N, C-alpha and C. Protein backbone atom coordinates (compact mmCIF):
# COMPACT_ATOMS: atom_id res chain seq x y z
N MET A 1 3.18 3.50 -6.62
CA MET A 1 4.11 3.22 -7.71
C MET A 1 5.15 4.32 -7.86
N SER A 2 5.11 5.28 -6.97
CA SER A 2 6.10 6.36 -7.08
C SER A 2 7.48 5.85 -6.70
N ALA A 3 8.49 6.57 -7.16
CA ALA A 3 9.86 6.23 -6.79
C ALA A 3 10.06 6.35 -5.28
N ALA A 4 9.32 7.28 -4.65
CA ALA A 4 9.47 7.49 -3.20
C ALA A 4 9.13 6.22 -2.43
N SER A 5 8.00 5.59 -2.75
CA SER A 5 7.62 4.40 -1.99
C SER A 5 8.37 3.15 -2.46
N THR A 6 8.84 3.14 -3.71
CA THR A 6 9.67 2.02 -4.16
C THR A 6 10.93 1.93 -3.30
N GLN A 7 11.49 3.09 -2.97
CA GLN A 7 12.68 3.11 -2.12
C GLN A 7 12.37 2.57 -0.72
N VAL A 8 11.17 2.89 -0.21
CA VAL A 8 10.78 2.40 1.11
C VAL A 8 10.67 0.87 1.08
N TYR A 9 10.05 0.34 0.03
CA TYR A 9 9.93 -1.12 -0.10
C TYR A 9 11.32 -1.77 -0.10
N TYR A 10 12.22 -1.25 -0.90
CA TYR A 10 13.54 -1.86 -1.01
C TYR A 10 14.28 -1.79 0.32
N ARG A 11 14.23 -0.63 0.95
CA ARG A 11 14.93 -0.45 2.23
C ARG A 11 14.37 -1.38 3.29
N GLU A 12 13.03 -1.52 3.34
CA GLU A 12 12.41 -2.36 4.35
C GLU A 12 12.68 -3.84 4.11
N LEU A 13 12.67 -4.28 2.87
CA LEU A 13 12.98 -5.68 2.56
C LEU A 13 14.42 -6.00 2.93
N CYS A 14 15.32 -5.07 2.70
CA CYS A 14 16.72 -5.27 3.11
C CYS A 14 16.83 -5.35 4.63
N ARG A 15 16.15 -4.45 5.33
CA ARG A 15 16.20 -4.45 6.80
C ARG A 15 15.65 -5.75 7.36
N LEU A 16 14.51 -6.19 6.85
CA LEU A 16 13.89 -7.41 7.35
C LEU A 16 14.77 -8.63 7.09
N THR A 17 15.39 -8.66 5.93
CA THR A 17 16.25 -9.80 5.59
C THR A 17 17.46 -9.87 6.51
N ARG A 18 18.08 -8.73 6.77
CA ARG A 18 19.21 -8.70 7.70
C ARG A 18 18.79 -9.16 9.09
N ALA A 19 17.62 -8.68 9.53
CA ALA A 19 17.15 -9.04 10.87
C ALA A 19 16.82 -10.52 10.96
N ARG A 20 16.29 -11.06 9.87
CA ARG A 20 15.85 -12.45 9.89
C ARG A 20 17.01 -13.43 9.70
N LEU A 21 17.91 -13.13 8.77
CA LEU A 21 18.96 -14.08 8.40
C LEU A 21 20.34 -13.71 8.93
N GLY A 22 20.53 -12.44 9.30
CA GLY A 22 21.79 -12.02 9.89
C GLY A 22 22.94 -11.94 8.90
N GLY A 23 24.11 -11.69 9.43
CA GLY A 23 25.32 -11.65 8.61
C GLY A 23 25.23 -10.66 7.47
N LEU A 24 25.68 -11.10 6.31
CA LEU A 24 25.70 -10.25 5.12
C LEU A 24 24.51 -10.50 4.20
N HIS A 25 23.48 -11.16 4.71
CA HIS A 25 22.34 -11.50 3.85
C HIS A 25 21.59 -10.26 3.38
N SER A 26 21.13 -10.34 2.14
CA SER A 26 20.25 -9.32 1.57
C SER A 26 19.27 -10.03 0.64
N PRO A 27 18.12 -9.42 0.34
CA PRO A 27 17.11 -10.10 -0.46
C PRO A 27 17.49 -10.14 -1.94
N GLU A 28 17.15 -11.24 -2.59
CA GLU A 28 17.30 -11.34 -4.04
C GLU A 28 16.01 -10.82 -4.67
N LEU A 29 16.12 -9.72 -5.38
CA LEU A 29 14.94 -9.02 -5.88
C LEU A 29 15.05 -8.70 -7.37
N LEU A 30 13.90 -8.70 -8.01
CA LEU A 30 13.74 -8.07 -9.32
C LEU A 30 12.76 -6.93 -9.12
N ILE A 31 13.18 -5.71 -9.43
CA ILE A 31 12.31 -4.54 -9.27
C ILE A 31 12.05 -3.93 -10.64
N ARG A 32 10.79 -3.79 -10.97
CA ARG A 32 10.42 -3.07 -12.19
C ARG A 32 9.79 -1.75 -11.77
N SER A 33 10.57 -0.70 -11.85
CA SER A 33 10.11 0.63 -11.45
C SER A 33 9.61 1.37 -12.70
N LEU A 34 8.34 1.74 -12.70
CA LEU A 34 7.72 2.37 -13.87
C LEU A 34 7.71 3.89 -13.74
N ASP A 35 7.51 4.55 -14.86
CA ASP A 35 7.37 6.01 -14.86
C ASP A 35 5.99 6.34 -14.33
N PHE A 36 5.94 6.81 -13.08
CA PHE A 36 4.65 7.01 -12.44
C PHE A 36 3.81 8.08 -13.13
N ALA A 37 4.43 9.04 -13.78
CA ALA A 37 3.66 10.09 -14.46
C ALA A 37 2.70 9.49 -15.48
N LYS A 38 3.17 8.46 -16.20
CA LYS A 38 2.32 7.82 -17.21
C LYS A 38 1.15 7.08 -16.55
N LEU A 39 1.44 6.38 -15.45
CA LEU A 39 0.39 5.65 -14.75
C LEU A 39 -0.60 6.59 -14.09
N GLU A 40 -0.12 7.69 -13.53
CA GLU A 40 -1.01 8.66 -12.88
C GLU A 40 -1.97 9.26 -13.89
N ALA A 41 -1.49 9.53 -15.11
CA ALA A 41 -2.37 10.08 -16.15
C ALA A 41 -3.46 9.09 -16.51
N LEU A 42 -3.12 7.81 -16.58
CA LEU A 42 -4.13 6.78 -16.87
C LEU A 42 -5.14 6.69 -15.73
N GLN A 43 -4.68 6.77 -14.50
CA GLN A 43 -5.60 6.76 -13.36
C GLN A 43 -6.56 7.95 -13.45
N ARG A 44 -5.99 9.12 -13.64
CA ARG A 44 -6.79 10.35 -13.65
C ARG A 44 -7.83 10.35 -14.75
N ASN A 45 -7.49 9.75 -15.89
CA ASN A 45 -8.40 9.72 -17.03
C ASN A 45 -9.31 8.50 -17.05
N GLY A 46 -9.21 7.66 -16.02
CA GLY A 46 -10.06 6.49 -15.95
C GLY A 46 -9.70 5.39 -16.95
N GLU A 47 -8.46 5.40 -17.45
CA GLU A 47 -8.04 4.40 -18.44
C GLU A 47 -7.43 3.19 -17.73
N TRP A 48 -8.25 2.55 -16.92
CA TRP A 48 -7.77 1.47 -16.08
C TRP A 48 -7.39 0.23 -16.88
N THR A 49 -8.13 -0.06 -17.94
CA THR A 49 -7.82 -1.24 -18.74
C THR A 49 -6.42 -1.13 -19.35
N THR A 50 -6.10 0.04 -19.85
CA THR A 50 -4.77 0.26 -20.42
C THR A 50 -3.70 0.11 -19.34
N ALA A 51 -3.97 0.66 -18.17
CA ALA A 51 -3.02 0.52 -17.06
C ALA A 51 -2.85 -0.95 -16.68
N GLY A 52 -3.96 -1.70 -16.70
CA GLY A 52 -3.89 -3.12 -16.38
C GLY A 52 -3.06 -3.90 -17.38
N GLU A 53 -3.15 -3.52 -18.64
CA GLU A 53 -2.34 -4.18 -19.67
C GLU A 53 -0.85 -3.94 -19.42
N ILE A 54 -0.52 -2.72 -19.00
CA ILE A 54 0.88 -2.41 -18.69
C ILE A 54 1.36 -3.28 -17.54
N LEU A 55 0.56 -3.36 -16.48
CA LEU A 55 0.96 -4.16 -15.32
C LEU A 55 1.07 -5.63 -15.67
N ASN A 56 0.18 -6.11 -16.51
CA ASN A 56 0.23 -7.52 -16.91
C ASN A 56 1.52 -7.82 -17.67
N ASN A 57 1.88 -6.93 -18.56
CA ASN A 57 3.13 -7.12 -19.31
C ASN A 57 4.33 -7.11 -18.37
N GLU A 58 4.31 -6.23 -17.38
CA GLU A 58 5.43 -6.13 -16.45
C GLU A 58 5.51 -7.37 -15.55
N ALA A 59 4.36 -7.87 -15.10
CA ALA A 59 4.36 -9.07 -14.26
C ALA A 59 4.89 -10.27 -15.04
N LYS A 60 4.51 -10.37 -16.29
CA LYS A 60 5.02 -11.46 -17.14
C LYS A 60 6.53 -11.33 -17.33
N ALA A 61 7.00 -10.10 -17.49
CA ALA A 61 8.44 -9.88 -17.66
C ALA A 61 9.20 -10.27 -16.40
N LEU A 62 8.64 -9.95 -15.24
CA LEU A 62 9.30 -10.34 -13.98
C LEU A 62 9.36 -11.85 -13.85
N GLU A 63 8.28 -12.52 -14.23
CA GLU A 63 8.28 -13.98 -14.14
C GLU A 63 9.29 -14.59 -15.12
N ARG A 64 9.37 -14.01 -16.32
CA ARG A 64 10.38 -14.50 -17.26
C ARG A 64 11.79 -14.29 -16.72
N GLY A 65 11.95 -13.25 -15.92
CA GLY A 65 13.25 -12.96 -15.34
C GLY A 65 13.60 -13.83 -14.14
N GLY A 66 12.66 -14.67 -13.74
CA GLY A 66 12.93 -15.60 -12.65
C GLY A 66 12.19 -15.33 -11.36
N ALA A 67 11.31 -14.35 -11.33
CA ALA A 67 10.56 -14.04 -10.11
C ALA A 67 9.71 -15.24 -9.69
N GLN A 68 9.79 -15.60 -8.41
CA GLN A 68 9.01 -16.71 -7.87
C GLN A 68 7.83 -16.23 -7.04
N LEU A 69 7.75 -14.94 -6.81
CA LEU A 69 6.66 -14.32 -6.06
C LEU A 69 6.48 -12.91 -6.62
N ILE A 70 5.23 -12.48 -6.77
CA ILE A 70 4.96 -11.14 -7.27
C ILE A 70 4.30 -10.32 -6.17
N ILE A 71 4.81 -9.11 -5.92
CA ILE A 71 4.09 -8.15 -5.10
C ILE A 71 3.98 -6.85 -5.88
N LEU A 72 2.86 -6.20 -5.72
CA LEU A 72 2.56 -4.94 -6.40
C LEU A 72 2.70 -3.83 -5.36
N ALA A 73 3.72 -3.02 -5.51
CA ALA A 73 4.11 -2.09 -4.45
C ALA A 73 3.30 -0.79 -4.49
N THR A 74 2.00 -0.94 -4.47
CA THR A 74 1.06 0.17 -4.48
C THR A 74 -0.30 -0.36 -4.09
N ASN A 75 -1.01 0.37 -3.25
CA ASN A 75 -2.36 -0.07 -2.87
C ASN A 75 -3.36 0.20 -3.99
N THR A 76 -3.32 1.40 -4.55
CA THR A 76 -4.32 1.79 -5.54
C THR A 76 -4.37 0.85 -6.73
N MET A 77 -3.22 0.45 -7.23
CA MET A 77 -3.21 -0.37 -8.44
C MET A 77 -3.60 -1.82 -8.18
N HIS A 78 -3.88 -2.16 -6.92
CA HIS A 78 -4.48 -3.47 -6.65
C HIS A 78 -5.90 -3.55 -7.22
N LYS A 79 -6.43 -2.43 -7.62
CA LYS A 79 -7.68 -2.43 -8.39
C LYS A 79 -7.54 -3.31 -9.62
N LEU A 80 -6.31 -3.43 -10.13
CA LEU A 80 -6.04 -4.16 -11.36
C LEU A 80 -5.31 -5.47 -11.11
N ALA A 81 -5.33 -5.94 -9.86
CA ALA A 81 -4.55 -7.13 -9.52
C ALA A 81 -4.94 -8.34 -10.36
N ASP A 82 -6.23 -8.56 -10.54
CA ASP A 82 -6.67 -9.73 -11.31
C ASP A 82 -6.20 -9.64 -12.76
N GLN A 83 -6.35 -8.46 -13.37
CA GLN A 83 -5.90 -8.29 -14.74
C GLN A 83 -4.38 -8.43 -14.83
N MET A 84 -3.67 -7.92 -13.85
CA MET A 84 -2.22 -7.99 -13.87
C MET A 84 -1.72 -9.43 -13.86
N MET A 85 -2.42 -10.31 -13.17
CA MET A 85 -1.94 -11.66 -12.97
C MET A 85 -2.45 -12.66 -14.00
N VAL A 86 -3.17 -12.20 -15.02
CA VAL A 86 -3.62 -13.10 -16.08
C VAL A 86 -2.40 -13.68 -16.81
N GLY A 87 -2.33 -15.00 -16.87
CA GLY A 87 -1.22 -15.65 -17.57
C GLY A 87 0.07 -15.69 -16.77
N VAL A 88 0.03 -15.29 -15.51
CA VAL A 88 1.21 -15.32 -14.65
C VAL A 88 1.03 -16.45 -13.63
N ASN A 89 2.01 -17.32 -13.52
CA ASN A 89 1.89 -18.49 -12.64
C ASN A 89 2.47 -18.27 -11.24
N ALA A 90 3.33 -17.30 -11.08
CA ALA A 90 3.92 -17.03 -9.77
C ALA A 90 2.83 -16.61 -8.80
N PRO A 91 2.93 -16.98 -7.52
CA PRO A 91 1.94 -16.54 -6.53
C PRO A 91 2.01 -15.04 -6.32
N PHE A 92 0.93 -14.50 -5.78
CA PHE A 92 0.77 -13.06 -5.61
C PHE A 92 0.24 -12.79 -4.21
N ILE A 93 0.84 -11.85 -3.50
CA ILE A 93 0.37 -11.46 -2.17
C ILE A 93 -0.39 -10.15 -2.28
N HIS A 94 -1.69 -10.18 -1.98
CA HIS A 94 -2.53 -8.99 -2.07
C HIS A 94 -2.34 -8.15 -0.80
N VAL A 95 -2.04 -6.89 -0.96
CA VAL A 95 -1.72 -6.04 0.18
C VAL A 95 -2.91 -5.88 1.12
N ALA A 96 -4.13 -5.83 0.61
CA ALA A 96 -5.30 -5.68 1.49
C ALA A 96 -5.51 -6.93 2.33
N ASP A 97 -5.28 -8.10 1.75
CA ASP A 97 -5.45 -9.35 2.49
C ASP A 97 -4.41 -9.45 3.61
N ALA A 98 -3.16 -9.10 3.29
CA ALA A 98 -2.10 -9.15 4.30
C ALA A 98 -2.40 -8.17 5.44
N THR A 99 -2.93 -7.00 5.08
CA THR A 99 -3.25 -5.99 6.09
C THR A 99 -4.42 -6.43 6.96
N ALA A 100 -5.46 -6.97 6.34
CA ALA A 100 -6.61 -7.46 7.10
C ALA A 100 -6.20 -8.55 8.08
N LYS A 101 -5.31 -9.42 7.64
CA LYS A 101 -4.83 -10.50 8.51
C LYS A 101 -4.12 -9.93 9.73
N ALA A 102 -3.29 -8.92 9.51
CA ALA A 102 -2.55 -8.30 10.61
C ALA A 102 -3.50 -7.63 11.61
N ILE A 103 -4.55 -6.99 11.10
CA ILE A 103 -5.52 -6.32 11.97
C ILE A 103 -6.31 -7.35 12.77
N ASN A 104 -6.76 -8.39 12.10
CA ASN A 104 -7.52 -9.43 12.79
C ASN A 104 -6.70 -10.11 13.88
N GLU A 105 -5.42 -10.29 13.63
CA GLU A 105 -4.56 -10.92 14.63
C GLU A 105 -4.45 -10.09 15.91
N LYS A 106 -4.70 -8.79 15.80
CA LYS A 106 -4.68 -7.91 16.97
C LYS A 106 -6.06 -7.78 17.61
N GLY A 107 -7.06 -8.45 17.05
CA GLY A 107 -8.40 -8.41 17.61
C GLY A 107 -9.14 -7.11 17.37
N LEU A 108 -8.73 -6.34 16.36
CA LEU A 108 -9.37 -5.07 16.04
C LEU A 108 -10.36 -5.26 14.89
N ARG A 109 -11.33 -4.36 14.79
CA ARG A 109 -12.39 -4.58 13.80
C ARG A 109 -12.76 -3.35 12.97
N ARG A 110 -12.46 -2.15 13.45
CA ARG A 110 -12.92 -0.93 12.76
C ARG A 110 -11.74 -0.04 12.38
N PRO A 111 -10.98 -0.44 11.38
CA PRO A 111 -9.83 0.38 11.00
C PRO A 111 -10.23 1.62 10.20
N GLY A 112 -9.67 2.76 10.54
CA GLY A 112 -9.77 3.91 9.66
C GLY A 112 -8.87 3.68 8.46
N LEU A 113 -9.22 4.28 7.34
CA LEU A 113 -8.45 4.07 6.11
C LEU A 113 -8.06 5.41 5.51
N MET A 114 -6.76 5.66 5.41
CA MET A 114 -6.26 6.84 4.72
C MET A 114 -5.47 6.37 3.51
N ALA A 115 -5.89 6.83 2.33
CA ALA A 115 -5.34 6.32 1.08
C ALA A 115 -5.67 7.30 -0.03
N THR A 116 -5.41 6.89 -1.27
CA THR A 116 -5.85 7.71 -2.39
C THR A 116 -7.38 7.69 -2.46
N ALA A 117 -7.94 8.65 -3.16
CA ALA A 117 -9.40 8.68 -3.32
C ALA A 117 -9.89 7.41 -4.00
N PHE A 118 -9.11 6.88 -4.93
CA PHE A 118 -9.51 5.64 -5.61
C PHE A 118 -9.68 4.51 -4.61
N THR A 119 -8.72 4.38 -3.71
CA THR A 119 -8.73 3.28 -2.74
C THR A 119 -9.82 3.48 -1.70
N MET A 120 -10.05 4.72 -1.28
CA MET A 120 -11.06 4.98 -0.27
C MET A 120 -12.47 4.91 -0.82
N GLU A 121 -12.67 5.38 -2.05
CA GLU A 121 -14.03 5.58 -2.55
C GLU A 121 -14.53 4.48 -3.47
N GLN A 122 -13.63 3.68 -4.03
CA GLN A 122 -14.05 2.55 -4.84
C GLN A 122 -14.06 1.29 -3.98
N SER A 123 -14.68 0.23 -4.46
CA SER A 123 -14.91 -0.93 -3.61
C SER A 123 -13.83 -2.00 -3.68
N PHE A 124 -12.91 -1.90 -4.63
CA PHE A 124 -11.96 -2.99 -4.85
C PHE A 124 -11.11 -3.31 -3.63
N TYR A 125 -10.91 -2.34 -2.75
CA TYR A 125 -10.05 -2.50 -1.58
C TYR A 125 -10.88 -2.75 -0.32
N THR A 126 -11.84 -1.88 -0.10
CA THR A 126 -12.64 -2.00 1.12
C THR A 126 -13.45 -3.30 1.15
N GLU A 127 -13.85 -3.81 -0.01
CA GLU A 127 -14.63 -5.05 -0.02
C GLU A 127 -13.80 -6.23 0.48
N ARG A 128 -12.49 -6.18 0.27
CA ARG A 128 -11.64 -7.25 0.78
C ARG A 128 -11.49 -7.14 2.29
N LEU A 129 -11.47 -5.92 2.80
CA LEU A 129 -11.44 -5.74 4.25
C LEU A 129 -12.73 -6.25 4.87
N VAL A 130 -13.85 -5.93 4.24
CA VAL A 130 -15.16 -6.38 4.74
C VAL A 130 -15.24 -7.91 4.69
N ALA A 131 -14.75 -8.49 3.60
CA ALA A 131 -14.77 -9.96 3.48
C ALA A 131 -13.96 -10.62 4.58
N ALA A 132 -12.97 -9.91 5.12
CA ALA A 132 -12.15 -10.45 6.19
C ALA A 132 -12.75 -10.18 7.57
N GLY A 133 -13.96 -9.61 7.60
CA GLY A 133 -14.64 -9.38 8.86
C GLY A 133 -14.44 -8.01 9.47
N LEU A 134 -13.85 -7.10 8.71
CA LEU A 134 -13.59 -5.75 9.21
C LEU A 134 -14.67 -4.77 8.76
N SER A 135 -14.77 -3.67 9.49
CA SER A 135 -15.71 -2.59 9.14
C SER A 135 -14.92 -1.30 8.99
N PRO A 136 -14.38 -1.04 7.80
CA PRO A 136 -13.53 0.14 7.63
C PRO A 136 -14.28 1.45 7.83
N VAL A 137 -13.58 2.41 8.41
CA VAL A 137 -14.12 3.76 8.63
C VAL A 137 -13.39 4.70 7.69
N LEU A 138 -14.14 5.47 6.91
CA LEU A 138 -13.53 6.36 5.92
C LEU A 138 -13.56 7.81 6.39
N PRO A 139 -12.59 8.60 6.00
CA PRO A 139 -12.63 10.04 6.28
C PRO A 139 -13.82 10.69 5.58
N ASN A 140 -14.21 11.88 6.06
CA ASN A 140 -15.27 12.62 5.38
C ASN A 140 -14.76 13.11 4.03
N ALA A 141 -15.64 13.67 3.22
CA ALA A 141 -15.29 14.03 1.85
C ALA A 141 -14.11 15.01 1.78
N ALA A 142 -14.13 16.01 2.64
CA ALA A 142 -13.05 17.00 2.62
C ALA A 142 -11.72 16.37 3.03
N ASP A 143 -11.75 15.49 4.02
CA ASP A 143 -10.53 14.83 4.47
C ASP A 143 -10.03 13.84 3.42
N ARG A 144 -10.94 13.19 2.71
CA ARG A 144 -10.50 12.30 1.62
C ARG A 144 -9.79 13.10 0.54
N ALA A 145 -10.35 14.24 0.20
CA ALA A 145 -9.74 15.07 -0.84
C ALA A 145 -8.35 15.56 -0.42
N GLU A 146 -8.22 15.95 0.84
CA GLU A 146 -6.92 16.45 1.32
C GLU A 146 -5.90 15.31 1.41
N THR A 147 -6.33 14.15 1.85
CA THR A 147 -5.43 13.00 1.90
C THR A 147 -4.90 12.69 0.51
N HIS A 148 -5.79 12.68 -0.48
CA HIS A 148 -5.43 12.38 -1.86
C HIS A 148 -4.49 13.45 -2.41
N ARG A 149 -4.81 14.71 -2.15
CA ARG A 149 -3.99 15.82 -2.67
C ARG A 149 -2.55 15.72 -2.17
N ILE A 150 -2.40 15.48 -0.89
CA ILE A 150 -1.05 15.43 -0.32
C ILE A 150 -0.25 14.27 -0.91
N ILE A 151 -0.92 13.15 -1.14
CA ILE A 151 -0.22 12.00 -1.73
C ILE A 151 0.35 12.36 -3.09
N TYR A 152 -0.50 12.88 -3.97
CA TYR A 152 -0.07 13.09 -5.36
C TYR A 152 0.76 14.36 -5.55
N GLN A 153 0.44 15.41 -4.82
CA GLN A 153 1.15 16.66 -5.04
C GLN A 153 2.43 16.78 -4.21
N GLU A 154 2.54 15.96 -3.16
CA GLU A 154 3.70 16.07 -2.30
C GLU A 154 4.45 14.75 -2.12
N LEU A 155 3.82 13.78 -1.50
CA LEU A 155 4.54 12.57 -1.11
C LEU A 155 5.10 11.81 -2.29
N CYS A 156 4.35 11.71 -3.37
CA CYS A 156 4.86 11.01 -4.55
C CYS A 156 6.07 11.72 -5.16
N LYS A 157 6.23 12.99 -4.81
CA LYS A 157 7.40 13.75 -5.26
C LYS A 157 8.48 13.80 -4.17
N ASP A 158 8.28 12.99 -3.13
CA ASP A 158 9.22 12.93 -2.00
C ASP A 158 9.30 14.25 -1.26
N ILE A 159 8.17 14.97 -1.21
CA ILE A 159 8.08 16.22 -0.46
C ILE A 159 7.35 15.95 0.85
N ARG A 160 7.97 16.33 1.96
CA ARG A 160 7.36 16.16 3.27
C ARG A 160 7.35 17.50 3.97
N SER A 161 6.20 17.89 4.51
CA SER A 161 6.12 19.18 5.19
C SER A 161 5.43 19.02 6.54
N ALA A 162 5.76 19.92 7.45
CA ALA A 162 5.15 19.90 8.77
C ALA A 162 3.65 20.16 8.68
N ASP A 163 3.24 21.03 7.75
CA ASP A 163 1.82 21.33 7.60
C ASP A 163 1.04 20.10 7.16
N SER A 164 1.60 19.35 6.22
CA SER A 164 0.91 18.15 5.74
C SER A 164 0.89 17.08 6.82
N ALA A 165 1.96 16.96 7.57
CA ALA A 165 1.96 16.00 8.68
C ALA A 165 0.88 16.36 9.69
N ALA A 166 0.76 17.64 9.99
CA ALA A 166 -0.28 18.08 10.93
C ALA A 166 -1.67 17.79 10.39
N ALA A 167 -1.85 18.01 9.09
CA ALA A 167 -3.14 17.73 8.47
C ALA A 167 -3.48 16.25 8.56
N TYR A 168 -2.50 15.40 8.30
CA TYR A 168 -2.72 13.96 8.37
C TYR A 168 -3.02 13.50 9.80
N ILE A 169 -2.30 14.05 10.76
CA ILE A 169 -2.56 13.70 12.16
C ILE A 169 -3.97 14.09 12.55
N ALA A 170 -4.42 15.26 12.11
CA ALA A 170 -5.77 15.72 12.42
C ALA A 170 -6.81 14.79 11.79
N ILE A 171 -6.57 14.34 10.56
CA ILE A 171 -7.51 13.42 9.91
C ILE A 171 -7.55 12.09 10.66
N ALA A 172 -6.38 11.60 11.06
CA ALA A 172 -6.32 10.35 11.84
C ALA A 172 -7.09 10.49 13.14
N ASN A 173 -6.98 11.64 13.79
CA ASN A 173 -7.71 11.86 15.04
C ASN A 173 -9.21 11.91 14.81
N ARG A 174 -9.63 12.51 13.70
CA ARG A 174 -11.07 12.56 13.41
C ARG A 174 -11.61 11.16 13.12
N LEU A 175 -10.80 10.31 12.49
CA LEU A 175 -11.23 8.93 12.26
C LEU A 175 -11.41 8.21 13.60
N ALA A 176 -10.50 8.44 14.53
CA ALA A 176 -10.64 7.84 15.86
C ALA A 176 -11.90 8.34 16.55
N ASP A 177 -12.17 9.63 16.41
CA ASP A 177 -13.38 10.19 17.01
C ASP A 177 -14.64 9.59 16.38
N ALA A 178 -14.52 9.15 15.12
CA ALA A 178 -15.67 8.56 14.43
C ALA A 178 -15.83 7.07 14.73
N GLY A 179 -14.97 6.54 15.58
CA GLY A 179 -15.12 5.16 16.00
C GLY A 179 -14.07 4.20 15.49
N ALA A 180 -13.07 4.68 14.77
CA ALA A 180 -12.02 3.79 14.28
C ALA A 180 -11.16 3.33 15.47
N ASP A 181 -10.92 2.01 15.53
CA ASP A 181 -10.09 1.48 16.61
C ASP A 181 -8.64 1.26 16.19
N SER A 182 -8.33 1.65 14.95
CA SER A 182 -6.98 1.48 14.41
C SER A 182 -6.91 2.31 13.14
N LEU A 183 -5.75 2.33 12.49
CA LEU A 183 -5.58 3.13 11.28
C LEU A 183 -4.77 2.37 10.25
N ILE A 184 -5.32 2.23 9.04
CA ILE A 184 -4.59 1.65 7.92
C ILE A 184 -3.94 2.79 7.13
N LEU A 185 -2.62 2.73 7.01
CA LEU A 185 -1.92 3.65 6.10
C LEU A 185 -2.02 2.99 4.73
N GLY A 186 -3.14 3.28 4.04
CA GLY A 186 -3.54 2.51 2.87
C GLY A 186 -3.02 3.03 1.55
N CYS A 187 -1.96 3.78 1.62
CA CYS A 187 -1.22 4.18 0.42
C CYS A 187 0.24 4.04 0.80
N THR A 188 1.05 3.55 -0.10
CA THR A 188 2.43 3.24 0.25
C THR A 188 3.24 4.48 0.64
N GLU A 189 2.72 5.67 0.34
CA GLU A 189 3.43 6.90 0.73
C GLU A 189 2.97 7.48 2.06
N VAL A 190 1.81 7.08 2.58
CA VAL A 190 1.27 7.72 3.78
C VAL A 190 2.20 7.55 4.98
N GLY A 191 2.92 6.44 5.02
CA GLY A 191 3.86 6.21 6.11
C GLY A 191 5.02 7.19 6.12
N MET A 192 5.15 7.99 5.09
CA MET A 192 6.18 9.02 5.09
C MET A 192 5.85 10.13 6.09
N LEU A 193 4.55 10.21 6.47
CA LEU A 193 4.12 11.25 7.41
C LEU A 193 3.55 10.70 8.71
N LEU A 194 2.92 9.54 8.65
CA LEU A 194 2.26 8.98 9.83
C LEU A 194 2.94 7.71 10.28
N ASN A 195 2.94 7.50 11.59
CA ASN A 195 3.48 6.28 12.18
C ASN A 195 2.93 6.17 13.59
N GLN A 196 3.33 5.10 14.30
CA GLN A 196 2.80 4.90 15.64
C GLN A 196 3.24 5.98 16.61
N GLY A 197 4.25 6.73 16.25
CA GLY A 197 4.71 7.80 17.12
C GLY A 197 3.83 9.02 17.13
N ASN A 198 3.01 9.23 16.08
CA ASN A 198 2.16 10.42 16.06
C ASN A 198 0.68 10.12 15.87
N VAL A 199 0.31 8.83 15.97
CA VAL A 199 -1.09 8.42 15.87
C VAL A 199 -1.45 7.65 17.14
N SER A 200 -2.59 7.99 17.74
CA SER A 200 -2.95 7.40 19.03
C SER A 200 -3.47 5.97 18.92
N THR A 201 -4.17 5.64 17.83
CA THR A 201 -4.69 4.29 17.65
C THR A 201 -3.63 3.39 17.03
N PRO A 202 -3.76 2.06 17.12
CA PRO A 202 -2.78 1.17 16.49
C PRO A 202 -2.69 1.42 14.99
N VAL A 203 -1.46 1.52 14.50
CA VAL A 203 -1.21 1.85 13.09
C VAL A 203 -0.80 0.59 12.32
N PHE A 204 -1.39 0.42 11.15
CA PHE A 204 -1.03 -0.68 10.27
C PHE A 204 -0.54 -0.08 8.95
N ASP A 205 0.77 -0.05 8.80
CA ASP A 205 1.40 0.52 7.61
C ASP A 205 1.45 -0.57 6.54
N THR A 206 0.69 -0.40 5.48
CA THR A 206 0.57 -1.45 4.47
C THR A 206 1.90 -1.78 3.81
N THR A 207 2.77 -0.80 3.66
CA THR A 207 4.08 -1.07 3.06
C THR A 207 4.87 -2.04 3.93
N LEU A 208 4.93 -1.77 5.22
CA LEU A 208 5.70 -2.62 6.13
C LEU A 208 5.07 -4.01 6.24
N ILE A 209 3.75 -4.06 6.29
CA ILE A 209 3.04 -5.35 6.37
C ILE A 209 3.28 -6.16 5.11
N HIS A 210 3.21 -5.51 3.96
CA HIS A 210 3.39 -6.18 2.67
C HIS A 210 4.80 -6.76 2.58
N CYS A 211 5.79 -5.98 2.97
CA CYS A 211 7.17 -6.46 2.93
C CYS A 211 7.36 -7.66 3.86
N ALA A 212 6.79 -7.58 5.05
CA ALA A 212 6.93 -8.68 6.00
C ALA A 212 6.27 -9.96 5.47
N ALA A 213 5.11 -9.82 4.83
CA ALA A 213 4.41 -10.98 4.27
C ALA A 213 5.22 -11.60 3.13
N ALA A 214 5.83 -10.75 2.30
CA ALA A 214 6.64 -11.26 1.18
C ALA A 214 7.87 -11.99 1.69
N LEU A 215 8.54 -11.42 2.69
CA LEU A 215 9.74 -12.07 3.23
C LEU A 215 9.39 -13.39 3.90
N GLU A 216 8.28 -13.41 4.63
CA GLU A 216 7.86 -14.64 5.29
C GLU A 216 7.61 -15.75 4.26
N TRP A 217 6.95 -15.38 3.17
CA TRP A 217 6.70 -16.36 2.11
C TRP A 217 8.03 -16.87 1.53
N ALA A 218 8.95 -15.94 1.30
CA ALA A 218 10.21 -16.30 0.65
C ALA A 218 11.06 -17.22 1.52
N VAL A 219 11.19 -16.93 2.80
CA VAL A 219 12.04 -17.76 3.65
C VAL A 219 11.37 -19.10 3.97
N ARG A 220 10.04 -19.12 3.93
CA ARG A 220 9.34 -20.38 4.18
C ARG A 220 9.47 -21.33 3.00
């Protein structure tokens, strides 16, 4: 939900639309960008119900504004997807489902997962991967903590450093050594440091997958 990844979503949706439709086409979007500091405090304090109420109000506002499809541009807050969509009639594309579909289409089964601690350590995300027939591989405790720290203290503030990139590459390599046959960039900011150019296993960037799934739905 940071401004950093919101910009990535917008840029990627514009790129995909131009590539798909050509000419001067661009996507018709309603974007509700929230103050991430407020949401991060609710996450940190475990006030998920309150956060869910905020998301539900925002989803309803988007639908009133004419939105015909809802996407939640954050992996972690998919913990609240059901609460967010109460009373909302527009369809919703779940980022974990879209990602699992992309992995299955490549015939892979054991994706490593790098994300926030909430996404890695709670079941709301990994259970959907398991339901899709996948066996996610998680970083060890120290690597989970470092992945989470870099997301919140750096990437969400649009800070990118060579040291953090090296740390992420090392974590990705350890996941491969632990048996991961691919890697899920399971936080919308992780792609700011990792991509197929610096990871040896097939990379599934949830932001790019989510955007592609939304555009496919829209043009269909």
